[in-house]
Amino acid sequence: MAKIVSGYIMPHDPSLFVNPQNIERDHLLGAYTLIREKVEALGATKAIIFGADHYILFSPRCLPQFLIATGELHGPIDRLPGVANSPIASDPAFARSLVDYAHGNGFDVAVARDLGVDHAIGVPAQLALPTDGSVKTIPVYMASGVEPYVRLQRAYEFGQMVREAVAAMPTDDRIVLMGSGGISHWVGTGEMGRINPEFDEKVLDAIVSGDPAPLLAMTDQEIMRDGGNGGMEIRHFLAVMGALPGGSGEVLAYEAWPGGVTGLGFAEILPSA
C-alpha cells in the first residue's frame, strides 16, 4: 500500500530568484535544499505538488477548478534565474490512477496529458526534489490564482480525497505532498510589495498545530484584506493538511523578506502517529 510520509509548504515568489535589489537570500534558498534533503532521507518516490496558475498556462477561456497532469512535464516555462526550465520526472500511470479515484469520489478534475508547468509547480519540483529524477512529480493545479476560487473547505476535502486515493493504491510508493505558494502578498495591485506578518503567523500557527479550523473559518474577503489576492494560495496548504489530518507541523524558515513581495514561509507536516 502506498503511504504519505510527509508534507511541506513553501513559497514560489519569483522575486527570490530575480533578486533585483541584491539582498541576502542564501538562507532562504537553503530552505529548499533542507526540504530536498528531508525528502531524500524519507526515501520518497512520488511528490504531489499543489499549485496555482498565474494566467500563464490557463487563459480566461479555461479556468479549471482542479487539474492533474497525467503525461510528460517540463518547466518552469516562465524563466527564473537559477531555476532550470527542464524536464521534470513524472509518473503518468500514478497520475492517471489519482484522476480515476478523484472521478469516482466526487471530484471531476480536468486533465492535461502534456504540460509545461509554471513556477508554482516548477520551483518545488526543481529545487525541493532530488535532481536525479528519483522522485516523480504529480502536479495538481487548483483555482486559487484567479476567480472563481475553489472553496476553502473543498480544498481541504480534496486533500482528504488524495489521502484516501494513496491508501487505495497497491504500490509501495512513499509520497510527499507540497503546498506551493503564499503566504501574504498582493499581486498586480496598488499594494504590491506589502507583506502582512500577522496574517502569515496565523497561517503558520494553524499548520504547526495541525488544526485547519482557523483557516477554514476565514472568508475570501478576509483573506483578500489581510493576506492579499496571493493569500488565496493557502488553499494549497489546506489540501496538504487535509491529507495529513492532525499532523504535527514545524516552521523551517520564515521571513518577510525585503527583497520580495511575499511572506516567505517554509514548513514541514509529519503524519500523526
C-alpha atoms as a PDB file:
ATOM      1  CA  MET A   1       0.000   0.000   0.000  1.00  0.00           C
ATOM      2  CA  ALA A   2       1.269   3.471  -0.861  1.00  0.00           C
ATOM      3  CA  LYS A   3       1.902   5.841   2.012  1.00  0.00           C
ATOM      4  CA  ILE A   4       2.137   9.595   2.599  1.00  0.00           C
ATOM      5  CA  VAL A   5       5.340  10.149   4.567  1.00  0.00           C
ATOM      6  CA  SER A   6       5.431  13.937   4.908  1.00  0.00           C
ATOM      7  CA  GLY A   7       4.047  17.252   3.737  1.00  0.00           C
ATOM      8  CA  TYR A   8       5.697  20.601   3.085  1.00  0.00           C
ATOM      9  CA  ILE A   9       4.700  24.150   2.324  1.00  0.00           C
ATOM     10  CA  MET A  10       6.973  26.570   0.534  1.00  0.00           C
ATOM     11  CA  PRO A  11       6.809  29.812  -1.447  1.00  0.00           C
ATOM     12  CA  HIS A  12       7.405  30.328  -5.134  1.00  0.00           C
ATOM     13  CA  ASP A  13       7.977  34.099  -5.176  1.00  0.00           C
ATOM     14  CA  PRO A  14       9.857  34.893  -8.428  1.00  0.00           C
ATOM     15  CA  SER A  15      11.498  37.880  -6.724  1.00  0.00           C
ATOM     16  CA  LEU A  16      13.535  35.478  -4.605  1.00  0.00           C
ATOM     17  CA  PHE A  17      15.303  34.267  -7.747  1.00  0.00           C
ATOM     18  CA  VAL A  18      15.453  37.526  -9.692  1.00  0.00           C
ATOM     19  CA  ASN A  19      16.545  39.423  -6.543  1.00  0.00           C
ATOM     20  CA  PRO A  20      16.587  42.859  -8.205  1.00  0.00           C
ATOM     21  CA  GLN A  21      17.833  44.598  -5.039  1.00  0.00           C
ATOM     22  CA  ASN A  22      20.641  42.071  -4.477  1.00  0.00           C
ATOM     23  CA  ILE A  23      19.573  41.361  -0.892  1.00  0.00           C
ATOM     24  CA  GLU A  24      20.985  38.399   1.041  1.00  0.00           C
ATOM     25  CA  ARG A  25      18.857  35.329   0.296  1.00  0.00           C
ATOM     26  CA  ASP A  26      21.078  32.273   0.747  1.00  0.00           C
ATOM     27  CA  HIS A  27      19.345  31.316   3.988  1.00  0.00           C
ATOM     28  CA  LEU A  28      16.004  31.225   2.159  1.00  0.00           C
ATOM     29  CA  LEU A  29      17.295  29.317  -0.848  1.00  0.00           C
ATOM     30  CA  GLY A  30      18.801  26.939   1.705  1.00  0.00           C
ATOM     31  CA  ALA A  31      15.302  26.096   2.939  1.00  0.00           C
ATOM     32  CA  TYR A  32      14.588  24.424  -0.409  1.00  0.00           C
ATOM     33  CA  THR A  33      17.796  22.430  -0.014  1.00  0.00           C
ATOM     34  CA  LEU A  34      16.772  21.414   3.513  1.00  0.00           C
ATOM     35  CA  ILE A  35      13.432  20.135   2.232  1.00  0.00           C
ATOM     36  CA  ARG A  36      15.159  18.225  -0.567  1.00  0.00           C
ATOM     37  CA  GLU A  37      17.433  16.572   1.970  1.00  0.00           C
ATOM     38  CA  LYS A  38      14.420  15.600   4.081  1.00  0.00           C
ATOM     39  CA  VAL A  39      12.672  14.149   1.029  1.00  0.00           C
ATOM     40  CA  GLU A  40      15.758  12.094   0.203  1.00  0.00           C
ATOM     41  CA  ALA A  41      16.101  10.868   3.794  1.00  0.00           C
ATOM     42  CA  LEU A  42      12.470   9.731   3.779  1.00  0.00           C
ATOM     43  CA  GLY A  43      13.063   7.582   0.698  1.00  0.00           C
ATOM     44  CA  ALA A  44      10.225   9.282  -1.135  1.00  0.00           C
ATOM     45  CA  THR A  45       9.302   8.071  -4.618  1.00  0.00           C
ATOM     46  CA  LYS A  46       6.487  10.492  -5.559  1.00  0.00           C
ATOM     47  CA  ALA A  47       5.646  14.140  -4.882  1.00  0.00           C
ATOM     48  CA  ILE A  48       2.132  15.510  -5.297  1.00  0.00           C
ATOM     49  CA  ILE A  49       2.537  19.272  -5.668  1.00  0.00           C
ATOM     50  CA  PHE A  50      -0.437  21.624  -5.228  1.00  0.00           C
ATOM     51  CA  GLY A  51      -0.100  24.943  -7.011  1.00  0.00           C
ATOM     52  CA  ALA A  52      -1.978  27.745  -8.763  1.00  0.00           C
ATOM     53  CA  ASP A  53      -1.797  29.014 -12.293  1.00  0.00           C
ATOM     54  CA  HIS A  54      -0.976  32.696 -12.691  1.00  0.00           C
ATOM     55  CA  TYR A  55      -2.668  33.215 -16.067  1.00  0.00           C
ATOM     56  CA  ILE A  56       0.494  31.718 -17.557  1.00  0.00           C
ATOM     57  CA  LEU A  57      -0.982  28.358 -18.546  1.00  0.00           C
ATOM     58  CA  PHE A  58      -4.722  28.918 -18.427  1.00  0.00           C
ATOM     59  CA  SER A  59      -6.277  31.982 -20.012  1.00  0.00           C
ATOM     60  CA  PRO A  60      -9.725  33.367 -19.140  1.00  0.00           C
ATOM     61  CA  ARG A  61     -11.041  30.871 -21.702  1.00  0.00           C
ATOM     62  CA  CYS A  62     -10.146  27.913 -19.486  1.00  0.00           C
ATOM     63  CA  LEU A  63     -10.181  28.122 -15.690  1.00  0.00           C
ATOM     64  CA  PRO A  64     -10.351  24.599 -14.213  1.00  0.00           C
ATOM     65  CA  GLN A  65     -11.153  24.205 -10.533  1.00  0.00           C
ATOM     66  CA  PHE A  66      -8.788  21.227 -10.336  1.00  0.00           C
ATOM     67  CA  LEU A  67      -6.372  19.904 -12.960  1.00  0.00           C
ATOM     68  CA  ILE A  68      -3.980  16.962 -12.754  1.00  0.00           C
ATOM     69  CA  ALA A  69      -1.240  16.430 -15.338  1.00  0.00           C
ATOM     70  CA  THR A  70      -1.000  12.809 -16.492  1.00  0.00           C
ATOM     71  CA  GLY A  71       1.833  12.993 -19.011  1.00  0.00           C
ATOM     72  CA  GLU A  72       5.278  14.442 -19.581  1.00  0.00           C
ATOM     73  CA  LEU A  73       6.279  17.565 -17.663  1.00  0.00           C
ATOM     74  CA  HIS A  74       8.802  20.350 -18.009  1.00  0.00           C
ATOM     75  CA  GLY A  75       9.306  23.799 -16.579  1.00  0.00           C
ATOM     76  CA  PRO A  76       9.036  26.284 -15.138  1.00  0.00           C
ATOM     77  CA  ILE A  77       8.236  27.807 -18.502  1.00  0.00           C
ATOM     78  CA  ASP A  78       8.476  31.309 -17.025  1.00  0.00           C
ATOM     79  CA  ARG A  79      12.248  31.627 -16.837  1.00  0.00           C
ATOM     80  CA  LEU A  80      13.753  32.353 -13.416  1.00  0.00           C
ATOM     81  CA  PRO A  81      17.485  32.821 -12.757  1.00  0.00           C
ATOM     82  CA  GLY A  82      18.885  29.721 -11.109  1.00  0.00           C
ATOM     83  CA  VAL A  83      15.804  27.573 -11.800  1.00  0.00           C
ATOM     84  CA  ALA A  84      16.214  25.417 -14.880  1.00  0.00           C
ATOM     85  CA  ASN A  85      13.403  25.033 -17.405  1.00  0.00           C
ATOM     86  CA  SER A  86      13.998  21.356 -17.970  1.00  0.00           C
ATOM     87  CA  PRO A  87      12.167  18.009 -17.965  1.00  0.00           C
ATOM     88  CA  ILE A  88      10.520  17.050 -14.675  1.00  0.00           C
ATOM     89  CA  ALA A  89      10.279  13.351 -13.863  1.00  0.00           C
ATOM     90  CA  SER A  90       6.655  12.214 -13.938  1.00  0.00           C
ATOM     91  CA  ASP A  91       4.613   9.053 -13.455  1.00  0.00           C
ATOM     92  CA  PRO A  92       1.653   9.070 -15.867  1.00  0.00           C
ATOM     93  CA  ALA A  93       0.220   5.795 -14.560  1.00  0.00           C
ATOM     94  CA  PHE A  94       0.179   7.008 -10.963  1.00  0.00           C
ATOM     95  CA  ALA A  95      -1.311  10.348 -12.003  1.00  0.00           C
ATOM     96  CA  ARG A  96      -3.993   8.587 -14.021  1.00  0.00           C
ATOM     97  CA  SER A  97      -4.859   6.434 -11.007  1.00  0.00           C
ATOM     98  CA  LEU A  98      -5.274   9.591  -8.936  1.00  0.00           C
ATOM     99  CA  VAL A  99      -7.555  11.067 -11.609  1.00  0.00           C
ATOM    100  CA  ASP A 100      -9.647   7.904 -11.723  1.00  0.00           C
ATOM    101  CA  TYR A 101     -10.026   7.869  -7.954  1.00  0.00           C
ATOM    102  CA  ALA A 102     -11.000  11.544  -7.934  1.00  0.00           C
ATOM    103  CA  HIS A 103     -13.609  10.981 -10.643  1.00  0.00           C
ATOM    104  CA  GLY A 104     -15.040   8.075  -8.687  1.00  0.00           C
ATOM    105  CA  ASN A 105     -15.247  10.072  -5.474  1.00  0.00           C
ATOM    106  CA  GLY A 106     -16.924  13.346  -6.312  1.00  0.00           C
ATOM    107  CA  PHE A 107     -14.101  15.397  -7.879  1.00  0.00           C
ATOM    108  CA  ASP A 108     -14.436  15.990 -11.616  1.00  0.00           C
ATOM    109  CA  VAL A 109     -10.844  17.053 -12.220  1.00  0.00           C
ATOM    110  CA  ALA A 110      -9.580  18.254 -15.577  1.00  0.00           C
ATOM    111  CA  VAL A 111      -6.589  16.527 -17.181  1.00  0.00           C
ATOM    112  CA  ALA A 112      -3.514  17.697 -19.108  1.00  0.00           C
ATOM    113  CA  ARG A 113      -1.695  14.905 -20.964  1.00  0.00           C
ATOM    114  CA  ASP A 114       1.415  17.031 -21.538  1.00  0.00           C
ATOM    115  CA  LEU A 115       2.240  20.140 -19.557  1.00  0.00           C
ATOM    116  CA  GLY A 116       4.819  22.865 -19.311  1.00  0.00           C
ATOM    117  CA  VAL A 117       4.319  23.975 -15.708  1.00  0.00           C
ATOM    118  CA  ASP A 118       4.773  27.470 -14.331  1.00  0.00           C
ATOM    119  CA  HIS A 119       6.755  28.486 -11.241  1.00  0.00           C
ATOM    120  CA  ALA A 120       4.057  27.314  -8.811  1.00  0.00           C
ATOM    121  CA  ILE A 121       4.938  23.708  -9.670  1.00  0.00           C
ATOM    122  CA  GLY A 122       8.332  24.210 -11.277  1.00  0.00           C
ATOM    123  CA  VAL A 123      10.066  25.827  -8.294  1.00  0.00           C
ATOM    124  CA  PRO A 124       9.255  22.999  -5.823  1.00  0.00           C
ATOM    125  CA  ALA A 125       9.932  20.308  -8.419  1.00  0.00           C
ATOM    126  CA  GLN A 126      13.291  21.722  -9.465  1.00  0.00           C
ATOM    127  CA  LEU A 127      14.577  22.901  -6.071  1.00  0.00           C
ATOM    128  CA  ALA A 128      12.956  20.735  -3.386  1.00  0.00           C
ATOM    129  CA  LEU A 129      13.187  17.306  -5.034  1.00  0.00           C
ATOM    130  CA  PRO A 130      16.268  15.203  -5.805  1.00  0.00           C
ATOM    131  CA  THR A 131      17.983  16.221  -9.020  1.00  0.00           C
ATOM    132  CA  ASP A 132      18.314  12.625 -10.237  1.00  0.00           C
ATOM    133  CA  GLY A 133      14.602  12.269 -11.019  1.00  0.00           C
ATOM    134  CA  SER A 134      14.123   9.529  -8.440  1.00  0.00           C
ATOM    135  CA  VAL A 135      11.044  11.301  -7.049  1.00  0.00           C
ATOM    136  CA  LYS A 136       8.334  11.622  -9.673  1.00  0.00           C
ATOM    137  CA  THR A 137       6.097  14.715  -9.702  1.00  0.00           C
ATOM    138  CA  ILE A 138       2.306  14.716  -9.943  1.00  0.00           C
ATOM    139  CA  PRO A 139       1.147  18.324 -10.395  1.00  0.00           C
ATOM    140  CA  VAL A 140      -2.267  19.394  -9.111  1.00  0.00           C
ATOM    141  CA  TYR A 141      -3.436  22.843 -10.171  1.00  0.00           C
ATOM    142  CA  MET A 142      -6.137  24.392  -8.012  1.00  0.00           C
ATOM    143  CA  ALA A 143      -8.184  27.528  -8.733  1.00  0.00           C
ATOM    144  CA  SER A 144      -6.589  29.861  -6.230  1.00  0.00           C
ATOM    145  CA  GLY A 145      -4.866  32.312  -8.528  1.00  0.00           C
ATOM    146  CA  VAL A 146      -7.883  33.964 -10.133  1.00  0.00           C
ATOM    147  CA  GLU A 147     -11.630  33.827  -9.594  1.00  0.00           C
ATOM    148  CA  PRO A 148     -13.687  31.730  -9.311  1.00  0.00           C
ATOM    149  CA  TYR A 149     -11.702  30.264  -6.422  1.00  0.00           C
ATOM    150  CA  VAL A 150     -12.013  26.753  -5.089  1.00  0.00           C
ATOM    151  CA  ARG A 151     -13.812  26.962  -1.752  1.00  0.00           C
ATOM    152  CA  LEU A 152     -11.519  26.591   1.233  1.00  0.00           C
ATOM    153  CA  GLN A 153     -13.477  23.630   2.553  1.00  0.00           C
ATOM    154  CA  ARG A 154     -13.363  21.982  -0.862  1.00  0.00           C
ATOM    155  CA  ALA A 155      -9.576  22.393  -0.964  1.00  0.00           C
ATOM    156  CA  TYR A 156      -9.313  20.641   2.393  1.00  0.00           C
ATOM    157  CA  GLU A 157     -11.677  17.898   1.197  1.00  0.00           C
ATOM    158  CA  PHE A 158      -9.561  17.443  -1.899  1.00  0.00           C
ATOM    159  CA  GLY A 159      -6.613  16.688   0.361  1.00  0.00           C
ATOM    160  CA  GLN A 160      -8.735  14.159   2.227  1.00  0.00           C
ATOM    161  CA  MET A 161      -9.577  12.508  -1.080  1.00  0.00           C
ATOM    162  CA  VAL A 162      -5.875  12.370  -2.007  1.00  0.00           C
ATOM    163  CA  ARG A 163      -5.147  10.635   1.287  1.00  0.00           C
ATOM    164  CA  GLU A 164      -7.804   8.009   0.533  1.00  0.00           C
ATOM    165  CA  ALA A 165      -6.559   7.610  -3.035  1.00  0.00           C
ATOM    166  CA  VAL A 166      -2.998   6.998  -1.885  1.00  0.00           C
ATOM    167  CA  ALA A 167      -4.134   4.441   0.693  1.00  0.00           C
ATOM    168  CA  ALA A 168      -6.046   2.582  -2.038  1.00  0.00           C
ATOM    169  CA  MET A 169      -3.057   2.286  -4.373  1.00  0.00           C
ATOM    170  CA  PRO A 170      -1.454  -1.184  -4.386  1.00  0.00           C
ATOM    171  CA  THR A 171       2.109   0.111  -4.761  1.00  0.00           C
ATOM    172  CA  ASP A 172       4.779   0.575  -2.118  1.00  0.00           C
ATOM    173  CA  ASP A 173       5.306   4.242  -3.009  1.00  0.00           C
ATOM    174  CA  ARG A 174       6.370   6.723  -0.356  1.00  0.00           C
ATOM    175  CA  ILE A 175       4.721  10.041  -1.117  1.00  0.00           C
ATOM    176  CA  VAL A 176       5.456  13.601  -0.076  1.00  0.00           C
ATOM    177  CA  LEU A 177       2.958  16.408  -0.517  1.00  0.00           C
ATOM    178  CA  MET A 178       3.907  20.006  -1.286  1.00  0.00           C
ATOM    179  CA  GLY A 179       1.728  23.075  -0.978  1.00  0.00           C
ATOM    180  CA  SER A 180       3.295  25.797  -3.104  1.00  0.00           C
ATOM    181  CA  GLY A 181       2.558  29.489  -2.633  1.00  0.00           C
ATOM    182  CA  GLY A 182       1.657  32.255  -0.243  1.00  0.00           C
ATOM    183  CA  ILE A 183       1.775  33.486   2.211  1.00  0.00           C
ATOM    184  CA  SER A 184       0.621  37.149   2.241  1.00  0.00           C
ATOM    185  CA  HIS A 185       1.097  39.050  -0.996  1.00  0.00           C
ATOM    186  CA  TRP A 186      -0.751  41.416  -3.276  1.00  0.00           C
ATOM    187  CA  VAL A 187      -0.227  40.567  -6.956  1.00  0.00           C
ATOM    188  CA  GLY A 188      -0.542  43.326  -9.552  1.00  0.00           C
ATOM    189  CA  THR A 189      -2.376  45.719  -7.226  1.00  0.00           C
ATOM    190  CA  GLY A 190      -1.541  49.089  -5.720  1.00  0.00           C
ATOM    191  CA  GLU A 191      -0.458  47.250  -2.556  1.00  0.00           C
ATOM    192  CA  MET A 192       2.052  45.033  -4.346  1.00  0.00           C
ATOM    193  CA  GLY A 193       5.127  44.704  -2.147  1.00  0.00           C
ATOM    194  CA  ARG A 194       3.140  44.760   1.073  1.00  0.00           C
ATOM    195  CA  ILE A 195       3.630  41.780   3.416  1.00  0.00           C
ATOM    196  CA  ASN A 196       1.498  41.118   6.487  1.00  0.00           C
ATOM    197  CA  PRO A 197       3.473  39.078   9.071  1.00  0.00           C
ATOM    198  CA  GLU A 198       0.416  38.833  11.353  1.00  0.00           C
ATOM    199  CA  PHE A 199      -1.547  37.013   8.654  1.00  0.00           C
ATOM    200  CA  ASP A 200       1.457  34.827   7.901  1.00  0.00           C
ATOM    201  CA  GLU A 201       1.828  33.933  11.584  1.00  0.00           C
ATOM    202  CA  LYS A 202      -1.834  32.948  11.798  1.00  0.00           C
ATOM    203  CA  VAL A 203      -1.428  30.624   8.822  1.00  0.00           C
ATOM    204  CA  LEU A 204       1.796  29.086  10.105  1.00  0.00           C
ATOM    205  CA  ASP A 205       0.340  28.625  13.600  1.00  0.00           C
ATOM    206  CA  ALA A 206      -2.534  26.613  12.099  1.00  0.00           C
ATOM    207  CA  ILE A 207      -0.076  24.446  10.180  1.00  0.00           C
ATOM    208  CA  VAL A 208       2.082  23.824  13.249  1.00  0.00           C
ATOM    209  CA  SER A 209      -0.939  22.954  15.393  1.00  0.00           C
ATOM    210  CA  GLY A 210      -2.411  20.665  12.742  1.00  0.00           C
ATOM    211  CA  ASP A 211      -5.750  22.438  13.188  1.00  0.00           C
ATOM    212  CA  PRO A 212      -7.287  23.713   9.921  1.00  0.00           C
ATOM    213  CA  ALA A 213     -10.233  25.388  11.673  1.00  0.00           C
ATOM    214  CA  PRO A 214      -8.738  28.921  11.831  1.00  0.00           C
ATOM    215  CA  LEU A 215      -8.040  28.821   8.100  1.00  0.00           C
ATOM    216  CA  LEU A 216     -11.361  27.253   7.158  1.00  0.00           C
ATOM    217  CA  ALA A 217     -13.159  29.928   9.167  1.00  0.00           C
ATOM    218  CA  MET A 218     -11.764  32.730   7.004  1.00  0.00           C
ATOM    219  CA  THR A 219     -13.837  34.306   4.285  1.00  0.00           C
ATOM    220  CA  ASP A 220     -12.333  35.210   0.942  1.00  0.00           C
ATOM    221  CA  GLN A 221     -12.961  38.843   1.804  1.00  0.00           C
ATOM    222  CA  GLU A 222     -10.890  38.477   4.988  1.00  0.00           C
ATOM    223  CA  ILE A 223      -8.086  36.737   3.127  1.00  0.00           C
ATOM    224  CA  MET A 224      -8.085  39.459   0.472  1.00  0.00           C
ATOM    225  CA  ARG A 225      -7.976  42.156   3.141  1.00  0.00           C
ATOM    226  CA  ASP A 226      -5.298  40.634   5.366  1.00  0.00           C
ATOM    227  CA  GLY A 227      -3.329  38.369   3.026  1.00  0.00           C
ATOM    228  CA  GLY A 228      -3.955  39.839  -0.409  1.00  0.00           C
ATOM    229  CA  ASN A 229      -5.106  38.120  -3.561  1.00  0.00           C
ATOM    230  CA  GLY A 230      -1.956  35.981  -3.347  1.00  0.00           C
ATOM    231  CA  GLY A 231      -3.081  34.824   0.086  1.00  0.00           C
ATOM    232  CA  MET A 232      -5.740  32.763  -1.678  1.00  0.00           C
ATOM    233  CA  GLU A 233      -2.981  30.215  -2.201  1.00  0.00           C
ATOM    234  CA  ILE A 234      -3.438  28.984   1.379  1.00  0.00           C
ATOM    235  CA  ARG A 235      -5.814  26.540  -0.330  1.00  0.00           C
ATOM    236  CA  HIS A 236      -2.749  24.517  -1.260  1.00  0.00           C
ATOM    237  CA  PHE A 237      -1.727  24.333   2.392  1.00  0.00           C
ATOM    238  CA  LEU A 238      -5.231  23.194   3.322  1.00  0.00           C
ATOM    239  CA  ALA A 239      -5.004  20.384   0.769  1.00  0.00           C
ATOM    240  CA  VAL A 240      -1.806  19.148   2.419  1.00  0.00           C
ATOM    241  CA  MET A 241      -3.403  19.440   5.863  1.00  0.00           C
ATOM    242  CA  GLY A 242      -6.470  17.552   4.633  1.00  0.00           C
ATOM    243  CA  ALA A 243      -4.241  14.689   3.541  1.00  0.00           C
ATOM    244  CA  LEU A 244      -2.372  14.715   6.873  1.00  0.00           C
ATOM    245  CA  PRO A 245      -5.109  15.267   9.476  1.00  0.00           C
ATOM    246  CA  GLY A 246      -3.749  16.017  12.913  1.00  0.00           C
ATOM    247  CA  GLY A 247      -0.207  16.028  11.589  1.00  0.00           C
ATOM    248  CA  SER A 248       2.373  17.867  13.654  1.00  0.00           C
ATOM    249  CA  GLY A 249       3.971  20.839  11.939  1.00  0.00           C
ATOM    250  CA  GLU A 250       7.241  22.713  12.232  1.00  0.00           C
ATOM    251  CA  VAL A 251       8.250  26.002  10.670  1.00  0.00           C
ATOM    252  CA  LEU A 252      11.548  25.515   8.854  1.00  0.00           C
ATOM    253  CA  ALA A 253      12.015  29.162   7.867  1.00  0.00           C
ATOM    254  CA  TYR A 254      10.003  32.359   7.663  1.00  0.00           C
ATOM    255  CA  GLU A 255      10.849  35.891   6.634  1.00  0.00           C
ATOM    256  CA  ALA A 256       9.047  38.965   5.409  1.00  0.00           C
ATOM    257  CA  TRP A 257      11.986  39.281   3.048  1.00  0.00           C
ATOM    258  CA  PRO A 258      12.518  42.896   1.966  1.00  0.00           C
ATOM    259  CA  GLY A 259      13.690  41.861  -1.482  1.00  0.00           C
ATOM    260  CA  GLY A 260      10.421  40.204  -2.430  1.00  0.00           C
ATOM    261  CA  VAL A 261       6.687  40.651  -2.410  1.00  0.00           C
ATOM    262  CA  THR A 262       5.657  37.625  -0.356  1.00  0.00           C
ATOM    263  CA  GLY A 263       5.787  36.424   3.220  1.00  0.00           C
ATOM    264  CA  LEU A 264       8.175  33.516   2.648  1.00  0.00           C
ATOM    265  CA  GLY A 265       7.190  30.542   4.785  1.00  0.00           C
ATOM    266  CA  PHE A 266       8.617  27.017   4.739  1.00  0.00           C
ATOM    267  CA  ALA A 267       7.131  24.304   6.950  1.00  0.00           C
ATOM    268  CA  GLU A 268       7.015  20.545   7.383  1.00  0.00           C
ATOM    269  CA  ILE A 269       3.979  18.492   8.414  1.00  0.00           C
ATOM    270  CA  LEU A 270       4.569  14.967   9.688  1.00  0.00           C
ATOM    271  CA  PRO A 271       1.808  12.331   9.754  1.00  0.00           C
ATOM    272  CA  SER A 272       0.005  11.814  13.041  1.00  0.00           C
ATOM    273  CA  ALA A 273       1.053   8.757  14.992  1.00  0.00           C
END
